[in-house]
N, C-alpha and C. Protein backbone atom coordinates (compact mmCIF):
# COMPACT_ATOMS: atom_id res chain seq x y z
N MET A 1 77.01 122.46 178.92
CA MET A 1 78.16 121.58 178.79
C MET A 1 78.89 121.89 177.49
N ASN A 2 80.15 121.55 177.46
CA ASN A 2 80.99 121.79 176.30
C ASN A 2 80.61 120.83 175.17
N THR A 3 80.29 121.36 174.00
CA THR A 3 79.85 120.54 172.87
C THR A 3 80.97 119.64 172.37
N GLN A 4 82.20 120.13 172.38
CA GLN A 4 83.32 119.31 171.92
C GLN A 4 83.52 118.11 172.83
N ARG A 5 83.35 118.30 174.13
CA ARG A 5 83.48 117.18 175.07
C ARG A 5 82.36 116.16 174.84
N LEU A 6 81.14 116.64 174.59
CA LEU A 6 80.01 115.74 174.38
C LEU A 6 80.21 114.89 173.13
N MET A 7 80.88 115.43 172.12
CA MET A 7 81.11 114.68 170.89
C MET A 7 82.10 113.53 171.10
N LYS A 8 82.92 113.60 172.15
CA LYS A 8 83.92 112.58 172.42
C LYS A 8 83.48 111.57 173.47
N ILE A 9 82.30 111.75 174.06
CA ILE A 9 81.82 110.87 175.13
C ILE A 9 81.47 109.47 174.60
N LEU A 10 80.65 109.41 173.55
CA LEU A 10 80.23 108.12 173.00
C LEU A 10 81.30 107.59 172.05
N LEU A 11 81.85 106.42 172.35
CA LEU A 11 82.89 105.85 171.51
C LEU A 11 82.32 104.95 170.42
N ALA A 12 81.36 104.09 170.79
CA ALA A 12 80.79 103.16 169.81
C ALA A 12 79.51 102.55 170.38
N PRO A 13 78.58 102.22 169.50
CA PRO A 13 77.42 101.45 169.98
C PRO A 13 77.83 100.00 170.18
N ILE A 14 77.18 99.34 171.12
CA ILE A 14 77.44 97.93 171.35
C ILE A 14 76.33 97.15 170.65
N VAL A 15 76.72 96.41 169.63
CA VAL A 15 75.75 95.63 168.86
C VAL A 15 76.02 94.16 169.13
N SER A 16 75.17 93.57 169.93
CA SER A 16 75.29 92.16 170.28
C SER A 16 73.89 91.59 170.45
N GLU A 17 73.83 90.32 170.72
CA GLU A 17 72.53 89.67 170.93
C GLU A 17 71.83 90.25 172.15
N LYS A 18 72.58 90.48 173.21
CA LYS A 18 72.00 91.04 174.43
C LYS A 18 71.50 92.47 174.20
N SER A 19 72.26 93.28 173.48
CA SER A 19 71.86 94.68 173.27
C SER A 19 70.66 94.79 172.34
N THR A 20 70.53 93.91 171.35
CA THR A 20 69.35 93.95 170.50
C THR A 20 68.10 93.49 171.25
N MET A 21 68.26 92.55 172.18
CA MET A 21 67.14 92.13 173.02
C MET A 21 66.69 93.28 173.92
N LEU A 22 67.65 94.02 174.49
CA LEU A 22 67.31 95.19 175.31
C LEU A 22 66.58 96.25 174.49
N ALA A 23 67.02 96.46 173.27
CA ALA A 23 66.40 97.47 172.42
C ALA A 23 64.96 97.08 172.09
N ASP A 24 64.71 95.82 171.85
CA ASP A 24 63.36 95.37 171.50
C ASP A 24 62.42 95.39 172.70
N LYS A 25 62.86 94.85 173.82
CA LYS A 25 61.96 94.70 174.96
C LYS A 25 61.84 95.95 175.82
N HIS A 26 62.95 96.63 176.07
CA HIS A 26 62.95 97.69 177.07
C HIS A 26 63.28 99.07 176.51
N GLU A 27 63.40 99.19 175.20
CA GLU A 27 63.74 100.46 174.55
C GLU A 27 65.00 101.06 175.15
N GLN A 28 66.05 100.22 175.28
CA GLN A 28 67.34 100.66 175.77
C GLN A 28 68.39 100.46 174.69
N VAL A 29 69.42 101.30 174.71
CA VAL A 29 70.51 101.22 173.75
C VAL A 29 71.81 101.17 174.54
N ALA A 30 72.75 100.32 174.11
CA ALA A 30 74.03 100.18 174.81
C ALA A 30 75.13 100.89 174.03
N PHE A 31 75.99 101.61 174.75
CA PHE A 31 77.11 102.33 174.16
C PHE A 31 78.38 102.05 174.93
N LYS A 32 79.51 102.03 174.23
CA LYS A 32 80.82 102.06 174.86
C LYS A 32 81.15 103.53 175.02
N VAL A 33 81.48 103.95 176.24
CA VAL A 33 81.68 105.37 176.51
C VAL A 33 83.07 105.64 177.07
N CYS A 34 83.43 106.89 177.10
CA CYS A 34 84.70 107.35 177.64
C CYS A 34 84.77 106.98 179.13
N SER A 35 85.97 106.66 179.61
CA SER A 35 86.10 106.18 180.98
C SER A 35 85.83 107.27 182.02
N THR A 36 85.86 108.54 181.63
CA THR A 36 85.62 109.62 182.58
C THR A 36 84.23 110.23 182.44
N ALA A 37 83.37 109.62 181.63
CA ALA A 37 82.04 110.17 181.37
C ALA A 37 81.12 109.99 182.57
N THR A 38 80.29 111.00 182.82
CA THR A 38 79.28 110.91 183.88
C THR A 38 77.93 110.61 183.24
N LYS A 39 76.95 110.27 184.08
CA LYS A 39 75.61 109.97 183.57
C LYS A 39 75.00 111.18 182.88
N GLY A 40 75.18 112.36 183.45
CA GLY A 40 74.64 113.58 182.86
C GLY A 40 75.25 113.88 181.49
N GLU A 41 76.56 113.67 181.37
CA GLU A 41 77.23 113.89 180.09
C GLU A 41 76.78 112.88 179.04
N ILE A 42 76.58 111.63 179.45
CA ILE A 42 76.13 110.60 178.51
C ILE A 42 74.73 110.94 178.01
N LYS A 43 73.86 111.35 178.92
CA LYS A 43 72.50 111.72 178.54
C LYS A 43 72.51 112.89 177.56
N ALA A 44 73.29 113.92 177.85
CA ALA A 44 73.37 115.09 176.97
C ALA A 44 73.96 114.72 175.61
N ALA A 45 74.95 113.83 175.59
CA ALA A 45 75.58 113.44 174.33
C ALA A 45 74.62 112.66 173.44
N VAL A 46 73.84 111.74 174.02
CA VAL A 46 72.88 110.95 173.24
C VAL A 46 71.78 111.86 172.70
N GLU A 47 71.29 112.78 173.52
CA GLU A 47 70.25 113.70 173.07
C GLU A 47 70.77 114.63 171.97
N LEU A 48 72.02 115.05 172.07
CA LEU A 48 72.60 115.94 171.07
C LEU A 48 72.84 115.22 169.74
N LEU A 49 73.42 114.03 169.79
CA LEU A 49 73.80 113.33 168.56
C LEU A 49 72.63 112.68 167.84
N PHE A 50 71.69 112.11 168.58
CA PHE A 50 70.63 111.32 167.95
C PHE A 50 69.27 112.00 167.97
N LYS A 51 69.15 113.17 168.61
CA LYS A 51 67.89 113.93 168.66
C LYS A 51 66.74 113.10 169.22
N VAL A 52 67.00 112.42 170.34
CA VAL A 52 65.98 111.64 171.05
C VAL A 52 65.92 112.11 172.49
N GLU A 53 64.88 111.69 173.21
CA GLU A 53 64.74 112.03 174.62
C GLU A 53 65.14 110.82 175.45
N VAL A 54 66.01 111.05 176.43
CA VAL A 54 66.53 109.99 177.28
C VAL A 54 65.80 110.01 178.62
N GLU A 55 65.38 108.83 179.05
CA GLU A 55 64.69 108.72 180.33
C GLU A 55 65.68 108.45 181.47
N ALA A 56 66.60 107.48 181.27
CA ALA A 56 67.54 107.12 182.33
C ALA A 56 68.83 106.58 181.71
N VAL A 57 69.91 106.65 182.49
CA VAL A 57 71.21 106.13 182.07
C VAL A 57 71.75 105.25 183.18
N ARG A 58 72.19 104.05 182.82
CA ARG A 58 72.85 103.15 183.76
C ARG A 58 74.26 102.91 183.22
N VAL A 59 75.24 102.95 184.12
CA VAL A 59 76.64 102.84 183.72
C VAL A 59 77.30 101.69 184.46
N ILE A 60 78.11 100.90 183.73
CA ILE A 60 78.88 99.84 184.36
C ILE A 60 80.34 99.96 183.94
N ASN A 61 81.23 99.54 184.81
CA ASN A 61 82.65 99.45 184.50
C ASN A 61 83.00 97.98 184.42
N GLN A 62 83.37 97.53 183.22
CA GLN A 62 83.72 96.13 183.02
C GLN A 62 85.24 96.00 183.05
N ALA A 63 85.73 95.24 184.00
CA ALA A 63 87.17 95.04 184.13
C ALA A 63 87.68 94.15 183.01
N GLY A 64 88.87 94.46 182.51
CA GLY A 64 89.48 93.66 181.45
C GLY A 64 89.94 92.31 181.97
N LYS A 65 89.87 91.31 181.11
CA LYS A 65 90.26 89.97 181.51
C LYS A 65 91.78 89.79 181.39
N GLN A 66 92.30 88.88 182.19
CA GLN A 66 93.70 88.49 182.05
C GLN A 66 93.76 87.39 181.01
N LYS A 67 94.61 87.56 180.01
CA LYS A 67 94.75 86.57 178.93
C LYS A 67 96.22 86.26 178.71
N ARG A 68 96.48 85.08 178.19
CA ARG A 68 97.85 84.68 177.89
C ARG A 68 98.11 84.97 176.41
N PHE A 69 99.23 85.63 176.14
CA PHE A 69 99.68 85.89 174.79
C PHE A 69 101.03 85.18 174.61
N GLY A 70 100.97 83.93 174.13
CA GLY A 70 102.19 83.13 174.05
C GLY A 70 102.67 82.78 175.44
N ARG A 71 103.88 83.16 175.78
CA ARG A 71 104.43 82.87 177.11
C ARG A 71 104.03 83.90 178.15
N THR A 72 103.76 85.11 177.70
CA THR A 72 103.53 86.19 178.65
C THR A 72 102.04 86.37 178.94
N MET A 73 101.77 86.84 180.14
CA MET A 73 100.40 87.16 180.52
C MET A 73 100.12 88.60 180.11
N GLY A 74 98.95 88.82 179.57
CA GLY A 74 98.54 90.16 179.19
C GLY A 74 97.21 90.48 179.82
N ARG A 75 96.74 91.68 179.57
CA ARG A 75 95.47 92.10 180.15
C ARG A 75 94.73 92.93 179.12
N ARG A 76 93.46 92.60 178.91
CA ARG A 76 92.62 93.41 178.05
C ARG A 76 92.26 94.70 178.77
N SER A 77 91.96 95.73 178.01
CA SER A 77 91.67 97.02 178.64
C SER A 77 90.28 97.02 179.27
N ASP A 78 90.10 97.85 180.28
CA ASP A 78 88.82 98.01 180.94
C ASP A 78 87.86 98.77 180.02
N VAL A 79 86.56 98.49 180.15
CA VAL A 79 85.55 99.11 179.29
C VAL A 79 84.46 99.70 180.17
N ARG A 80 84.02 100.90 179.84
CA ARG A 80 82.89 101.53 180.53
C ARG A 80 81.72 101.51 179.57
N LYS A 81 80.61 100.92 180.01
CA LYS A 81 79.42 100.79 179.16
C LYS A 81 78.28 101.61 179.75
N ALA A 82 77.45 102.12 178.87
CA ALA A 82 76.27 102.87 179.30
C ALA A 82 75.04 102.26 178.65
N TYR A 83 74.04 101.96 179.46
CA TYR A 83 72.75 101.49 178.97
C TYR A 83 71.78 102.65 179.09
N VAL A 84 71.34 103.16 177.94
CA VAL A 84 70.51 104.37 177.88
C VAL A 84 69.07 103.95 177.62
N ALA A 85 68.17 104.30 178.54
CA ALA A 85 66.74 104.02 178.38
C ALA A 85 66.10 105.22 177.71
N LEU A 86 65.44 104.97 176.58
CA LEU A 86 64.78 106.04 175.83
C LEU A 86 63.33 106.17 176.29
N LYS A 87 62.77 107.36 176.14
CA LYS A 87 61.37 107.57 176.48
C LYS A 87 60.49 106.83 175.48
N ALA A 88 59.24 106.60 175.85
CA ALA A 88 58.31 105.82 175.02
C ALA A 88 58.17 106.48 173.65
N GLY A 89 58.25 105.65 172.61
CA GLY A 89 58.10 106.13 171.25
C GLY A 89 59.39 106.60 170.61
N GLN A 90 60.48 106.68 171.37
CA GLN A 90 61.77 107.11 170.83
C GLN A 90 62.54 105.89 170.33
N GLU A 91 63.35 106.10 169.29
CA GLU A 91 64.12 105.00 168.71
C GLU A 91 65.37 105.55 168.06
N ILE A 92 66.46 104.81 168.17
CA ILE A 92 67.71 105.15 167.49
C ILE A 92 67.95 104.11 166.42
N ASN A 93 68.07 104.56 165.17
CA ASN A 93 68.40 103.67 164.07
C ASN A 93 69.82 104.00 163.64
N PHE A 94 70.76 103.08 163.89
CA PHE A 94 72.17 103.36 163.63
C PHE A 94 72.48 103.44 162.16
N SER A 95 71.71 102.81 161.31
CA SER A 95 71.99 102.90 159.88
C SER A 95 71.67 104.29 159.33
N GLU A 96 70.66 104.96 159.87
CA GLU A 96 70.33 106.31 159.43
C GLU A 96 71.21 107.36 160.10
N ALA A 97 71.59 107.13 161.36
CA ALA A 97 72.33 108.13 162.12
C ALA A 97 73.75 108.31 161.60
N ALA A 98 74.30 107.27 161.02
CA ALA A 98 75.69 107.35 160.53
C ALA A 98 75.73 108.21 159.31
């Protein structure tokens, strides 16, 4: 796979109460990913950037909500999320990786 493309796949880690619970219990990490990313590309990008072994990748497309901005109706953008399951003993520490 193209290394330049893999560097653009992962947009940001998702740090929330739900994602920290997943990391503790199930050794999974949540990422906001590019809307055109495939599971194989996400797996290769995580392994390349963080030097860990990935067991499985689950992807969801979260539709943006309709919100009111003053008088006009607006829409938040759609988000594609990836939940990456790491192999046993693997861990990603975002403070060291940055």
